[in-house]
Amino acid sequence: MQILAIVWHPNAAWGALDDTGKLTYLKTLDDAIAQTRAGGVVVLGWSKIDKTLPKAPKEGFVGVFGFGDAAQVHAFEKVVGEADWYKYFDSTNISVDLDGATAAEPHRIYARMLDVPAD
């Protein structure tokens, strides 16, 4: 499964909206999310980021989504952009194809990713 984490924080354009404008925009995101769910995207959830960790990102929020492949990630990102997300939120998008969840020797996964010959 391909995973996309959108790490984000509201920007000045968001701050310039009044509460009614903010809520109106947030409701428009419902259509974008429904469209992507219909296309097979799995919404894993949204959260505030735990800022108590010493290496926490500067952004304060995250959305996490699951996809069948990288092409779906790119299609989803296009929908996000068309929904004016980047107008109101500064984001870092992290797309990964996770490996090694059940590996008995996780060092082999790290070695492969870092091009280090495994023993």
PDB file of N, CA and C in Angstrom:
ATOM      1  N   MET A   1       0.843  -1.185   0.000  1.00  0.00           N
ATOM      2  CA  MET A   1       0.000   0.000   0.000  1.00  0.00           C
ATOM      3  C   MET A   1       0.880   1.237   0.000  1.00  0.00           C
ATOM      4  N   GLN A   2       0.539   2.158  -0.848  1.00  0.00           N
ATOM      5  CA  GLN A   2       1.205   3.464  -0.896  1.00  0.00           C
ATOM      6  C   GLN A   2       0.535   4.364   0.140  1.00  0.00           C
ATOM      7  N   ILE A   3       1.340   5.057   0.920  1.00  0.00           N
ATOM      8  CA  ILE A   3       0.834   5.954   1.958  1.00  0.00           C
ATOM      9  C   ILE A   3       1.219   7.388   1.607  1.00  0.00           C
ATOM     10  N   LEU A   4       0.300   8.308   1.813  1.00  0.00           N
ATOM     11  CA  LEU A   4       0.592   9.736   1.670  1.00  0.00           C
ATOM     12  C   LEU A   4       0.268  10.415   2.984  1.00  0.00           C
ATOM     13  N   ALA A   5       1.247  11.113   3.526  1.00  0.00           N
ATOM     14  CA  ALA A   5       1.034  11.948   4.709  1.00  0.00           C
ATOM     15  C   ALA A   5       1.197  13.391   4.266  1.00  0.00           C
ATOM     16  N   ILE A   6       0.167  14.189   4.491  1.00  0.00           N
ATOM     17  CA  ILE A   6       0.247  15.616   4.200  1.00  0.00           C
ATOM     18  C   ILE A   6       0.415  16.322   5.541  1.00  0.00           C
ATOM     19  N   VAL A   7       1.613  16.840   5.749  1.00  0.00           N
ATOM     20  CA  VAL A   7       1.937  17.557   6.976  1.00  0.00           C
ATOM     21  C   VAL A   7       1.707  19.035   6.658  1.00  0.00           C
ATOM     22  N   TRP A   8       0.845  19.697   7.411  1.00  0.00           N
ATOM     23  CA  TRP A   8       0.391  21.018   6.995  1.00  0.00           C
ATOM     24  C   TRP A   8       0.160  21.971   8.157  1.00  0.00           C
ATOM     25  N   HIS A   9       0.036  23.244   7.777  1.00  0.00           N
ATOM     26  CA  HIS A   9      -0.264  24.301   8.740  1.00  0.00           C
ATOM     27  C   HIS A   9      -0.954  25.448   8.008  1.00  0.00           C
ATOM     28  N   PRO A  10      -1.955  26.084   8.628  1.00  0.00           N
ATOM     29  CA  PRO A  10      -2.622  27.219   7.989  1.00  0.00           C
ATOM     30  C   PRO A  10      -1.634  28.354   7.707  1.00  0.00           C
ATOM     31  N   ASN A  11      -1.848  29.054   6.592  1.00  0.00           N
ATOM     32  CA  ASN A  11      -0.987  30.189   6.257  1.00  0.00           C
ATOM     33  C   ASN A  11      -1.741  31.513   6.401  1.00  0.00           C
ATOM     34  N   ALA A  12      -1.150  32.592   5.941  1.00  0.00           N
ATOM     35  CA  ALA A  12      -1.736  33.930   6.101  1.00  0.00           C
ATOM     36  C   ALA A  12      -3.076  34.066   5.371  1.00  0.00           C
ATOM     37  N   ALA A  13      -3.220  33.430   4.210  1.00  0.00           N
ATOM     38  CA  ALA A  13      -4.493  33.507   3.472  1.00  0.00           C
ATOM     39  C   ALA A  13      -5.621  32.884   4.287  1.00  0.00           C
ATOM     40  N   TRP A  14      -5.320  31.794   4.988  1.00  0.00           N
ATOM     41  CA  TRP A  14      -6.315  31.173   5.870  1.00  0.00           C
ATOM     42  C   TRP A  14      -6.665  32.124   7.010  1.00  0.00           C
ATOM     43  N   GLY A  15      -5.650  32.702   7.605  1.00  0.00           N
ATOM     44  CA  GLY A  15      -5.867  33.632   8.714  1.00  0.00           C
ATOM     45  C   GLY A  15      -6.682  34.842   8.318  1.00  0.00           C
ATOM     46  N   ALA A  16      -6.649  35.220   7.044  1.00  0.00           N
ATOM     47  CA  ALA A  16      -7.399  36.386   6.569  1.00  0.00           C
ATOM     48  C   ALA A  16      -8.889  36.098   6.408  1.00  0.00           C
ATOM     49  N   LEU A  17      -9.277  34.824   6.367  1.00  0.00           N
ATOM     50  CA  LEU A  17     -10.701  34.476   6.253  1.00  0.00           C
ATOM     51  C   LEU A  17     -11.397  34.641   7.592  1.00  0.00           C
ATOM     52  N   ASP A  18     -12.666  35.053   7.557  1.00  0.00           N
ATOM     53  CA  ASP A  18     -13.441  35.046   8.798  1.00  0.00           C
ATOM     54  C   ASP A  18     -13.929  33.624   9.047  1.00  0.00           C
ATOM     55  N   ASP A  19     -14.537  33.389  10.203  1.00  0.00           N
ATOM     56  CA  ASP A  19     -14.965  32.033  10.562  1.00  0.00           C
ATOM     57  C   ASP A  19     -15.945  31.449   9.551  1.00  0.00           C
ATOM     58  N   THR A  20     -16.833  32.267   9.010  1.00  0.00           N
ATOM     59  CA  THR A  20     -17.792  31.781   8.014  1.00  0.00           C
ATOM     60  C   THR A  20     -17.063  31.340   6.755  1.00  0.00           C
ATOM     61  N   GLY A  21     -16.099  32.130   6.312  1.00  0.00           N
ATOM     62  CA  GLY A  21     -15.314  31.770   5.136  1.00  0.00           C
ATOM     63  C   GLY A  21     -14.515  30.501   5.355  1.00  0.00           C
ATOM     64  N   LYS A  22     -13.957  30.351   6.557  1.00  0.00           N
ATOM     65  CA  LYS A  22     -13.194  29.143   6.874  1.00  0.00           C
ATOM     66  C   LYS A  22     -14.089  27.907   6.836  1.00  0.00           C
ATOM     67  N   LEU A  23     -15.254  27.998   7.464  1.00  0.00           N
ATOM     68  CA  LEU A  23     -16.161  26.851   7.491  1.00  0.00           C
ATOM     69  C   LEU A  23     -16.677  26.529   6.091  1.00  0.00           C
ATOM     70  N   THR A  24     -16.975  27.547   5.314  1.00  0.00           N
ATOM     71  CA  THR A  24     -17.436  27.332   3.940  1.00  0.00           C
ATOM     72  C   THR A  24     -16.373  26.592   3.143  1.00  0.00           C
ATOM     73  N   TYR A  25     -15.122  27.027   3.271  1.00  0.00           N
ATOM     74  CA  TYR A  25     -14.053  26.335   2.550  1.00  0.00           C
ATOM     75  C   TYR A  25     -13.910  24.896   3.025  1.00  0.00           C
ATOM     76  N   LEU A  26     -13.913  24.691   4.330  1.00  0.00           N
ATOM     77  CA  LEU A  26     -13.755  23.332   4.862  1.00  0.00           C
ATOM     78  C   LEU A  26     -14.855  22.411   4.347  1.00  0.00           C
ATOM     79  N   LYS A  27     -16.060  22.927   4.221  1.00  0.00           N
ATOM     80  CA  LYS A  27     -17.159  22.108   3.698  1.00  0.00           C
ATOM     81  C   LYS A  27     -16.934  21.749   2.226  1.00  0.00           C
ATOM     82  N   THR A  28     -16.249  22.619   1.461  1.00  0.00           N
ATOM     83  CA  THR A  28     -15.971  22.279   0.063  1.00  0.00           C
ATOM     84  C   THR A  28     -14.998  21.113  -0.035  1.00  0.00           C
ATOM     85  N   LEU A  29     -14.192  20.913   0.989  1.00  0.00           N
ATOM     86  CA  LEU A  29     -13.271  19.778   0.988  1.00  0.00           C
ATOM     87  C   LEU A  29     -14.004  18.444   1.063  1.00  0.00           C
ATOM     88  N   ASP A  30     -15.218  18.449   1.616  1.00  0.00           N
ATOM     89  CA  ASP A  30     -16.004  17.219   1.699  1.00  0.00           C
ATOM     90  C   ASP A  30     -16.205  16.604   0.318  1.00  0.00           C
ATOM     91  N   ASP A  31     -16.483  17.452  -0.683  1.00  0.00           N
ATOM     92  CA  ASP A  31     -16.687  16.948  -2.046  1.00  0.00           C
ATOM     93  C   ASP A  31     -15.401  16.335  -2.594  1.00  0.00           C
ATOM     94  N   ALA A  32     -14.271  16.985  -2.335  1.00  0.00           N
ATOM     95  CA  ALA A  32     -12.992  16.458  -2.816  1.00  0.00           C
ATOM     96  C   ALA A  32     -12.675  15.116  -2.161  1.00  0.00           C
ATOM     97  N   ILE A  33     -12.925  15.022  -0.868  1.00  0.00           N
ATOM     98  CA  ILE A  33     -12.668  13.763  -0.159  1.00  0.00           C
ATOM     99  C   ILE A  33     -13.608  12.670  -0.668  1.00  0.00           C
ATOM    100  N   ALA A  34     -14.881  12.997  -0.866  1.00  0.00           N
ATOM    101  CA  ALA A  34     -15.839  12.011  -1.380  1.00  0.00           C
ATOM    102  C   ALA A  34     -15.411  11.521  -2.765  1.00  0.00           C
ATOM    103  N   GLN A  35     -14.935  12.434  -3.601  1.00  0.00           N
ATOM    104  CA  GLN A  35     -14.481  12.079  -4.945  1.00  0.00           C
ATOM    105  C   GLN A  35     -13.311  11.103  -4.872  1.00  0.00           C
ATOM    106  N   THR A  36     -12.380  11.355  -3.990  1.00  0.00           N
ATOM    107  CA  THR A  36     -11.209  10.481  -3.907  1.00  0.00           C
ATOM    108  C   THR A  36     -11.557   9.138  -3.273  1.00  0.00           C
ATOM    109  N   ARG A  37     -12.462   9.144  -2.293  1.00  0.00           N
ATOM    110  CA  ARG A  37     -12.906   7.865  -1.702  1.00  0.00           C
ATOM    111  C   ARG A  37     -13.574   7.005  -2.760  1.00  0.00           C
ATOM    112  N   ALA A  38     -14.375   7.632  -3.622  1.00  0.00           N
ATOM    113  CA  ALA A  38     -15.041   6.889  -4.697  1.00  0.00           C
ATOM    114  C   ALA A  38     -14.021   6.275  -5.645  1.00  0.00           C
ATOM    115  N   GLY A  39     -12.838   6.889  -5.736  1.00  0.00           N
ATOM    116  CA  GLY A  39     -11.772   6.379  -6.587  1.00  0.00           C
ATOM    117  C   GLY A  39     -10.866   5.370  -5.893  1.00  0.00           C
ATOM    118  N   GLY A  40     -11.188   4.996  -4.654  1.00  0.00           N
ATOM    119  CA  GLY A  40     -10.432   3.967  -3.959  1.00  0.00           C
ATOM    120  C   GLY A  40      -9.469   4.446  -2.893  1.00  0.00           C
ATOM    121  N   VAL A  41      -9.412   5.748  -2.666  1.00  0.00           N
ATOM    122  CA  VAL A  41      -8.527   6.267  -1.623  1.00  0.00           C
ATOM    123  C   VAL A  41      -9.085   5.902  -0.255  1.00  0.00           C
ATOM    124  N   VAL A  42      -8.208   5.466   0.643  1.00  0.00           N
ATOM    125  CA  VAL A  42      -8.600   5.166   2.016  1.00  0.00           C
ATOM    126  C   VAL A  42      -8.118   6.322   2.895  1.00  0.00           C
ATOM    127  N   VAL A  43      -9.065   6.991   3.529  1.00  0.00           N
ATOM    128  CA  VAL A  43      -8.701   8.064   4.460  1.00  0.00           C
ATOM    129  C   VAL A  43      -8.374   7.400   5.790  1.00  0.00           C
ATOM    130  N   LEU A  44      -7.099   7.451   6.173  1.00  0.00           N
ATOM    131  CA  LEU A  44      -6.674   6.831   7.423  1.00  0.00           C
ATOM    132  C   LEU A  44      -6.896   7.761   8.607  1.00  0.00           C
ATOM    133  N   GLY A  45      -6.957   9.070   8.359  1.00  0.00           N
ATOM    134  CA  GLY A  45      -7.307  10.001   9.418  1.00  0.00           C
ATOM    135  C   GLY A  45      -6.515  11.289   9.405  1.00  0.00           C
ATOM    136  N   TRP A  46      -6.905  12.176  10.302  1.00  0.00           N
ATOM    137  CA  TRP A  46      -6.285  13.486  10.470  1.00  0.00           C
ATOM    138  C   TRP A  46      -5.974  13.685  11.946  1.00  0.00           C
ATOM    139  N   SER A  47      -4.970  14.510  12.235  1.00  0.00           N
ATOM    140  CA  SER A  47      -4.609  14.733  13.629  1.00  0.00           C
ATOM    141  C   SER A  47      -3.757  15.984  13.780  1.00  0.00           C
ATOM    142  N   LYS A  48      -3.768  16.531  14.987  1.00  0.00           N
ATOM    143  CA  LYS A  48      -2.744  17.503  15.362  1.00  0.00           C
ATOM    144  C   LYS A  48      -1.462  16.714  15.569  1.00  0.00           C
ATOM    145  N   ILE A  49      -0.330  17.339  15.294  1.00  0.00           N
ATOM    146  CA  ILE A  49       0.963  16.686  15.485  1.00  0.00           C
ATOM    147  C   ILE A  49       1.405  16.865  16.929  1.00  0.00           C
ATOM    148  N   ASP A  50       1.921  15.803  17.500  1.00  0.00           N
ATOM    149  CA  ASP A  50       2.453  15.827  18.862  1.00  0.00           C
ATOM    150  C   ASP A  50       3.741  16.646  18.855  1.00  0.00           C
ATOM    151  N   LYS A  51       3.673  17.858  19.379  1.00  0.00           N
ATOM    152  CA  LYS A  51       4.820  18.772  19.370  1.00  0.00           C
ATOM    153  C   LYS A  51       5.771  18.532  20.544  1.00  0.00           C
ATOM    154  N   THR A  52       5.471  17.542  21.388  1.00  0.00           N
ATOM    155  CA  THR A  52       6.345  17.294  22.530  1.00  0.00           C
ATOM    156  C   THR A  52       7.593  16.505  22.133  1.00  0.00           C
ATOM    157  N   LEU A  53       7.611  15.964  20.926  1.00  0.00           N
ATOM    158  CA  LEU A  53       8.795  15.238  20.474  1.00  0.00           C
ATOM    159  C   LEU A  53       9.895  16.229  20.081  1.00  0.00           C
ATOM    160  N   PRO A  54      11.147  15.904  20.365  1.00  0.00           N
ATOM    161  CA  PRO A  54      12.224  16.856  20.112  1.00  0.00           C
ATOM    162  C   PRO A  54      12.441  17.194  18.636  1.00  0.00           C
ATOM    163  N   LYS A  55      12.078  16.336  17.716  1.00  0.00           N
ATOM    164  CA  LYS A  55      12.284  16.591  16.284  1.00  0.00           C
ATOM    165  C   LYS A  55      10.954  16.751  15.541  1.00  0.00           C
ATOM    166  N   ALA A  56       9.930  17.242  16.228  1.00  0.00           N
ATOM    167  CA  ALA A  56       8.608  17.436  15.601  1.00  0.00           C
ATOM    168  C   ALA A  56       8.716  18.478  14.482  1.00  0.00           C
ATOM    169  N   PRO A  57       7.923  18.318  13.423  1.00  0.00           N
ATOM    170  CA  PRO A  57       7.957  19.300  12.332  1.00  0.00           C
ATOM    171  C   PRO A  57       7.355  20.630  12.768  1.00  0.00           C
ATOM    172  N   LYS A  58       7.653  21.670  11.981  1.00  0.00           N
ATOM    173  CA  LYS A  58       7.111  22.995  12.298  1.00  0.00           C
ATOM    174  C   LYS A  58       5.603  23.049  12.054  1.00  0.00           C
ATOM    175  N   GLU A  59       5.128  22.252  11.086  1.00  0.00           N
ATOM    176  CA  GLU A  59       3.691  22.218  10.819  1.00  0.00           C
ATOM    177  C   GLU A  59       2.976  21.578  11.998  1.00  0.00           C
ATOM    178  N   GLY A  60       1.684  21.902  12.138  1.00  0.00           N
ATOM    179  CA  GLY A  60       0.969  21.427  13.309  1.00  0.00           C
ATOM    180  C   GLY A  60      -0.051  20.325  13.093  1.00  0.00           C
ATOM    181  N   PHE A  61      -0.268  19.918  11.823  1.00  0.00           N
ATOM    182  CA  PHE A  61      -1.335  18.967  11.528  1.00  0.00           C
ATOM    183  C   PHE A  61      -0.877  17.961  10.483  1.00  0.00           C
ATOM    184  N   VAL A  62      -1.598  16.824  10.405  1.00  0.00           N
ATOM    185  CA  VAL A  62      -1.289  15.812   9.402  1.00  0.00           C
ATOM    186  C   VAL A  62      -2.575  15.127   8.952  1.00  0.00           C
ATOM    187  N   GLY A  63      -2.625  14.787   7.674  1.00  0.00           N
ATOM    188  CA  GLY A  63      -3.657  13.929   7.114  1.00  0.00           C
ATOM    189  C   GLY A  63      -2.951  12.730   6.515  1.00  0.00           C
ATOM    190  N   VAL A  64      -3.487  11.525   6.728  1.00  0.00           N
ATOM    191  CA  VAL A  64      -2.824  10.310   6.244  1.00  0.00           C
ATOM    192  C   VAL A  64      -3.826   9.516   5.394  1.00  0.00           C
ATOM    193  N   PHE A  65      -3.358   9.095   4.220  1.00  0.00           N
ATOM    194  CA  PHE A  65      -4.221   8.460   3.242  1.00  0.00           C
ATOM    195  C   PHE A  65      -3.533   7.223   2.672  1.00  0.00           C
ATOM    196  N   GLY A  66      -4.316   6.220   2.282  1.00  0.00           N
ATOM    197  CA  GLY A  66      -3.790   4.995   1.697  1.00  0.00           C
ATOM    198  C   GLY A  66      -4.242   4.834   0.255  1.00  0.00           C
ATOM    199  N   PHE A  67      -3.345   4.279  -0.589  1.00  0.00           N
ATOM    200  CA  PHE A  67      -3.594   4.145  -2.021  1.00  0.00           C
ATOM    201  C   PHE A  67      -3.112   2.793  -2.511  1.00  0.00           C
ATOM    202  N   GLY A  68      -3.623   2.381  -3.642  1.00  0.00           N
ATOM    203  CA  GLY A  68      -3.184   1.135  -4.255  1.00  0.00           C
ATOM    204  C   GLY A  68      -1.828   1.259  -4.917  1.00  0.00           C
ATOM    205  N   ASP A  69      -1.510   2.459  -5.451  1.00  0.00           N
ATOM    206  CA  ASP A  69      -0.227   2.644  -6.130  1.00  0.00           C
ATOM    207  C   ASP A  69       0.115   4.131  -6.209  1.00  0.00           C
ATOM    208  N   ALA A  70       1.310   4.402  -6.718  1.00  0.00           N
ATOM    209  CA  ALA A  70       1.800   5.784  -6.792  1.00  0.00           C
ATOM    210  C   ALA A  70       0.954   6.640  -7.734  1.00  0.00           C
ATOM    211  N   ALA A  71       0.395   6.037  -8.779  1.00  0.00           N
ATOM    212  CA  ALA A  71      -0.439   6.806  -9.708  1.00  0.00           C
ATOM    213  C   ALA A  71      -1.654   7.389  -8.989  1.00  0.00           C
ATOM    214  N   GLN A  72      -2.234   6.634  -8.060  1.00  0.00           N
ATOM    215  CA  GLN A  72      -3.369   7.149  -7.280  1.00  0.00           C
ATOM    216  C   GLN A  72      -2.932   8.312  -6.391  1.00  0.00           C
ATOM    217  N   VAL A  73      -1.719   8.247  -5.855  1.00  0.00           N
ATOM    218  CA  VAL A  73      -1.204   9.344  -5.024  1.00  0.00           C
ATOM    219  C   VAL A  73      -1.148  10.620  -5.851  1.00  0.00           C
ATOM    220  N   HIS A  74      -0.627  10.519  -7.054  1.00  0.00           N
ATOM    221  CA  HIS A  74      -0.504  11.697  -7.913  1.00  0.00           C
ATOM    222  C   HIS A  74      -1.870  12.235  -8.326  1.00  0.00           C
ATOM    223  N   ALA A  75      -2.813  11.351  -8.589  1.00  0.00           N
ATOM    224  CA  ALA A  75      -4.177  11.785  -8.922  1.00  0.00           C
ATOM    225  C   ALA A  75      -4.808  12.489  -7.725  1.00  0.00           C
ATOM    226  N   PHE A  76      -4.587  11.961  -6.525  1.00  0.00           N
ATOM    227  CA  PHE A  76      -5.119  12.571  -5.304  1.00  0.00           C
ATOM    228  C   PHE A  76      -4.504  13.955  -5.090  1.00  0.00           C
ATOM    229  N   GLU A  77      -3.206  14.071  -5.287  1.00  0.00           N
ATOM    230  CA  GLU A  77      -2.531  15.352  -5.099  1.00  0.00           C
ATOM    231  C   GLU A  77      -3.080  16.392  -6.066  1.00  0.00           C
ATOM    232  N   LYS A  78      -3.444  15.948  -7.251  1.00  0.00           N
ATOM    233  CA  LYS A  78      -4.055  16.870  -8.227  1.00  0.00           C
ATOM    234  C   LYS A  78      -5.398  17.382  -7.704  1.00  0.00           C
ATOM    235  N   VAL A  79      -6.200  16.479  -7.133  1.00  0.00           N
ATOM    236  CA  VAL A  79      -7.494  16.879  -6.554  1.00  0.00           C
ATOM    237  C   VAL A  79      -7.276  17.855  -5.402  1.00  0.00           C
ATOM    238  N   VAL A  80      -6.269  17.593  -4.585  1.00  0.00           N
ATOM    239  CA  VAL A  80      -5.944  18.482  -3.462  1.00  0.00           C
ATOM    240  C   VAL A  80      -5.623  19.879  -3.986  1.00  0.00           C
ATOM    241  N   GLY A  81      -4.786  19.952  -5.001  1.00  0.00           N
ATOM    242  CA  GLY A  81      -4.424  21.246  -5.579  1.00  0.00           C
ATOM    243  C   GLY A  81      -5.618  21.967  -6.186  1.00  0.00           C
ATOM    244  N   GLU A  82      -6.468  21.223  -6.887  1.00  0.00           N
ATOM    245  CA  GLU A  82      -7.660  21.818  -7.508  1.00  0.00           C
ATOM    246  C   GLU A  82      -8.661  22.310  -6.475  1.00  0.00           C
ATOM    247  N   ALA A  83      -8.583  21.777  -5.262  1.00  0.00           N
ATOM    248  CA  ALA A  83      -9.472  22.209  -4.177  1.00  0.00           C
ATOM    249  C   ALA A  83      -8.908  23.433  -3.450  1.00  0.00           C
ATOM    250  N   ASP A  84      -7.883  24.059  -4.007  1.00  0.00           N
ATOM    251  CA  ASP A  84      -7.250  25.265  -3.444  1.00  0.00           C
ATOM    252  C   ASP A  84      -6.591  25.035  -2.088  1.00  0.00           C
ATOM    253  N   TRP A  85      -6.238  23.794  -1.787  1.00  0.00           N
ATOM    254  CA  TRP A  85      -5.590  23.487  -0.518  1.00  0.00           C
ATOM    255  C   TRP A  85      -4.349  24.350  -0.303  1.00  0.00           C
ATOM    256  N   TYR A  86      -3.517  24.450  -1.340  1.00  0.00           N
ATOM    257  CA  TYR A  86      -2.242  25.149  -1.199  1.00  0.00           C
ATOM    258  C   TYR A  86      -2.406  26.665  -1.107  1.00  0.00           C
ATOM    259  N   LYS A  87      -3.578  27.142  -1.400  1.00  0.00           N
ATOM    260  CA  LYS A  87      -3.858  28.571  -1.215  1.00  0.00           C
ATOM    261  C   LYS A  87      -3.939  28.904   0.275  1.00  0.00           C
ATOM    262  N   TYR A  88      -4.437  27.973   1.073  1.00  0.00           N
ATOM    263  CA  TYR A  88      -4.690  28.242   2.492  1.00  0.00           C
ATOM    264  C   TYR A  88      -3.755  27.510   3.456  1.00  0.00           C
ATOM    265  N   PHE A  89      -3.032  26.524   2.963  1.00  0.00           N
ATOM    266  CA  PHE A  89      -2.211  25.717   3.862  1.00  0.00           C
ATOM    267  C   PHE A  89      -0.825  25.470   3.262  1.00  0.00           C
ATOM    268  N   ASP A  90       0.193  25.665   4.073  1.00  0.00           N
ATOM    269  CA  ASP A  90       1.552  25.293   3.698  1.00  0.00           C
ATOM    270  C   ASP A  90       1.706  23.815   4.033  1.00  0.00           C
ATOM    271  N   SER A  91       2.199  23.044   3.075  1.00  0.00           N
ATOM    272  CA  SER A  91       2.210  21.596   3.234  1.00  0.00           C
ATOM    273  C   SER A  91       3.534  20.975   2.826  1.00  0.00           C
ATOM    274  N   THR A  92       3.837  19.875   3.456  1.00  0.00           N
ATOM    275  CA  THR A  92       4.891  18.978   3.026  1.00  0.00           C
ATOM    276  C   THR A  92       4.210  17.638   2.777  1.00  0.00           C
ATOM    277  N   ASN A  93       4.316  17.147   1.547  1.00  0.00           N
ATOM    278  CA  ASN A  93       3.657  15.897   1.175  1.00  0.00           C
ATOM    279  C   ASN A  93       4.687  14.776   1.157  1.00  0.00           C
ATOM    280  N   ILE A  94       4.392  13.697   1.882  1.00  0.00           N
ATOM    281  CA  ILE A  94       5.310  12.571   1.990  1.00  0.00           C
ATOM    282  C   ILE A  94       4.592  11.327   1.472  1.00  0.00           C
ATOM    283  N   SER A  95       5.077  10.818   0.337  1.00  0.00           N
ATOM    284  CA  SER A  95       4.507   9.609  -0.250  1.00  0.00           C
ATOM    285  C   SER A  95       5.508   8.477  -0.076  1.00  0.00           C
ATOM    286  N   VAL A  96       5.047   7.352   0.463  1.00  0.00           N
ATOM    287  CA  VAL A  96       5.940   6.219   0.713  1.00  0.00           C
ATOM    288  C   VAL A  96       5.248   4.913   0.356  1.00  0.00           C
ATOM    289  N   ASP A  97       6.065   3.951  -0.063  1.00  0.00           N
ATOM    290  CA  ASP A  97       5.619   2.587  -0.303  1.00  0.00           C
ATOM    291  C   ASP A  97       6.300   1.757   0.784  1.00  0.00           C
ATOM    292  N   LEU A  98       5.607   1.564   1.884  1.00  0.00           N
ATOM    293  CA  LEU A  98       6.208   0.969   3.067  1.00  0.00           C
ATOM    294  C   LEU A  98       6.661  -0.470   2.835  1.00  0.00           C
ATOM    295  N   ASP A  99       7.747  -0.826   3.502  1.00  0.00           N
ATOM    296  CA  ASP A  99       8.324  -2.158   3.392  1.00  0.00           C
ATOM    297  C   ASP A  99       8.828  -2.580   4.766  1.00  0.00           C
ATOM    298  N   GLY A 100       8.781  -3.844   5.052  1.00  0.00           N
ATOM    299  CA  GLY A 100       9.421  -4.367   6.249  1.00  0.00           C
ATOM    300  C   GLY A 100       8.588  -4.417   7.509  1.00  0.00           C
ATOM    301  N   ALA A 101       7.290  -4.301   7.413  1.00  0.00           N
ATOM    302  CA  ALA A 101       6.448  -4.277   8.619  1.00  0.00           C
ATOM    303  C   ALA A 101       6.605  -5.531   9.465  1.00  0.00           C
ATOM    304  N   THR A 102       6.866  -6.655   8.826  1.00  0.00           N
ATOM    305  CA  THR A 102       6.994  -7.905   9.580  1.00  0.00           C
ATOM    306  C   THR A 102       8.398  -8.497   9.475  1.00  0.00           C
ATOM    307  N   ALA A 103       9.356  -7.669   9.061  1.00  0.00           N
ATOM    308  CA  ALA A 103      10.733  -8.160   8.888  1.00  0.00           C
ATOM    309  C   ALA A 103      11.327  -8.598  10.219  1.00  0.00           C
ATOM    310  N   ALA A 104      11.896  -9.801  10.230  1.00  0.00           N
ATOM    311  CA  ALA A 104      12.543 -10.314  11.438  1.00  0.00           C
ATOM    312  C   ALA A 104      13.874  -9.623  11.686  1.00  0.00           C
ATOM    313  N   GLU A 105      14.494  -9.132  10.609  1.00  0.00           N
ATOM    314  CA  GLU A 105      15.774  -8.433  10.709  1.00  0.00           C
ATOM    315  C   GLU A 105      15.651  -7.081  10.010  1.00  0.00           C
ATOM    316  N   PRO A 106      15.083  -6.092  10.686  1.00  0.00           N
ATOM    317  CA  PRO A 106      14.847  -4.794  10.055  1.00  0.00           C
ATOM    318  C   PRO A 106      16.102  -4.138   9.486  1.00  0.00           C
ATOM    319  N   HIS A 107      17.274  -4.499  10.000  1.00  0.00           N
ATOM    320  CA  HIS A 107      18.495  -3.883   9.472  1.00  0.00           C
ATOM    321  C   HIS A 107      18.655  -4.171   7.976  1.00  0.00           C
ATOM    322  N   ARG A 108      18.093  -5.278   7.510  1.00  0.00           N
ATOM    323  CA  ARG A 108      18.196  -5.608   6.086  1.00  0.00           C
ATOM    324  C   ARG A 108      17.387  -4.620   5.231  1.00  0.00           C
ATOM    325  N   ILE A 109      16.275  -4.151   5.754  1.00  0.00           N
ATOM    326  CA  ILE A 109      15.467  -3.148   5.038  1.00  0.00           C
ATOM    327  C   ILE A 109      16.255  -1.848   4.947  1.00  0.00           C
ATOM    328  N   TYR A 110      16.811  -1.410   6.088  1.00  0.00           N
ATOM    329  CA  TYR A 110      17.628  -0.190   6.089  1.00  0.00           C
ATOM    330  C   TYR A 110      18.805  -0.326   5.125  1.00  0.00           C
ATOM    331  N   ALA A 111      19.481  -1.466   5.165  1.00  0.00           N
ATOM    332  CA  ALA A 111      20.637  -1.687   4.307  1.00  0.00           C
ATOM    333  C   ALA A 111      20.250  -1.576   2.830  1.00  0.00           C
ATOM    334  N   ARG A 112      19.137  -2.199   2.442  1.00  0.00           N
ATOM    335  CA  ARG A 112      18.689  -2.129   1.051  1.00  0.00           C
ATOM    336  C   ARG A 112      18.367  -0.688   0.658  1.00  0.00           C
ATOM    337  N   MET A 113      17.665   0.043   1.536  1.00  0.00           N
ATOM    338  CA  MET A 113      17.301   1.432   1.220  1.00  0.00           C
ATOM    339  C   MET A 113      18.542   2.319   1.077  1.00  0.00           C
ATOM    340  N   LEU A 114      19.565   2.038   1.875  1.00  0.00           N
ATOM    341  CA  LEU A 114      20.777   2.865   1.896  1.00  0.00           C
ATOM    342  C   LEU A 114      21.900   2.318   1.019  1.00  0.00           C
ATOM    343  N   ASP A 115      21.577   1.297   0.217  1.00  0.00           N
ATOM    344  CA  ASP A 115      22.557   0.676  -0.683  1.00  0.00           C
ATOM    345  C   ASP A 115      23.788   0.168   0.063  1.00  0.00           C
ATOM    346  N   VAL A 116      23.547  -0.452   1.215  1.00  0.00           N
ATOM    347  CA  VAL A 116      24.623  -1.067   1.993  1.00  0.00           C
ATOM    348  C   VAL A 116      24.498  -2.577   1.828  1.00  0.00           C
ATOM    349  N   PRO A 117      25.563  -3.255   1.436  1.00  0.00           N
ATOM    350  CA  PRO A 117      25.487  -4.719   1.298  1.00  0.00           C
ATOM    351  C   PRO A 117      25.099  -5.366   2.617  1.00  0.00           C
ATOM    352  N   ALA A 118      24.073  -6.192   2.590  1.00  0.00           N
ATOM    353  CA  ALA A 118      23.641  -6.890   3.809  1.00  0.00           C
ATOM    354  C   ALA A 118      24.494  -8.142   3.994  1.00  0.00           C
ATOM    355  N   ASP A 119      24.676  -8.525   5.248  1.00  0.00           N
ATOM    356  CA  ASP A 119      25.485  -9.714   5.525  1.00  0.00           C
ATOM    357  C   ASP A 119      24.762 -10.977   5.154  1.00  0.00           C
TER     358      ASP A 119
END
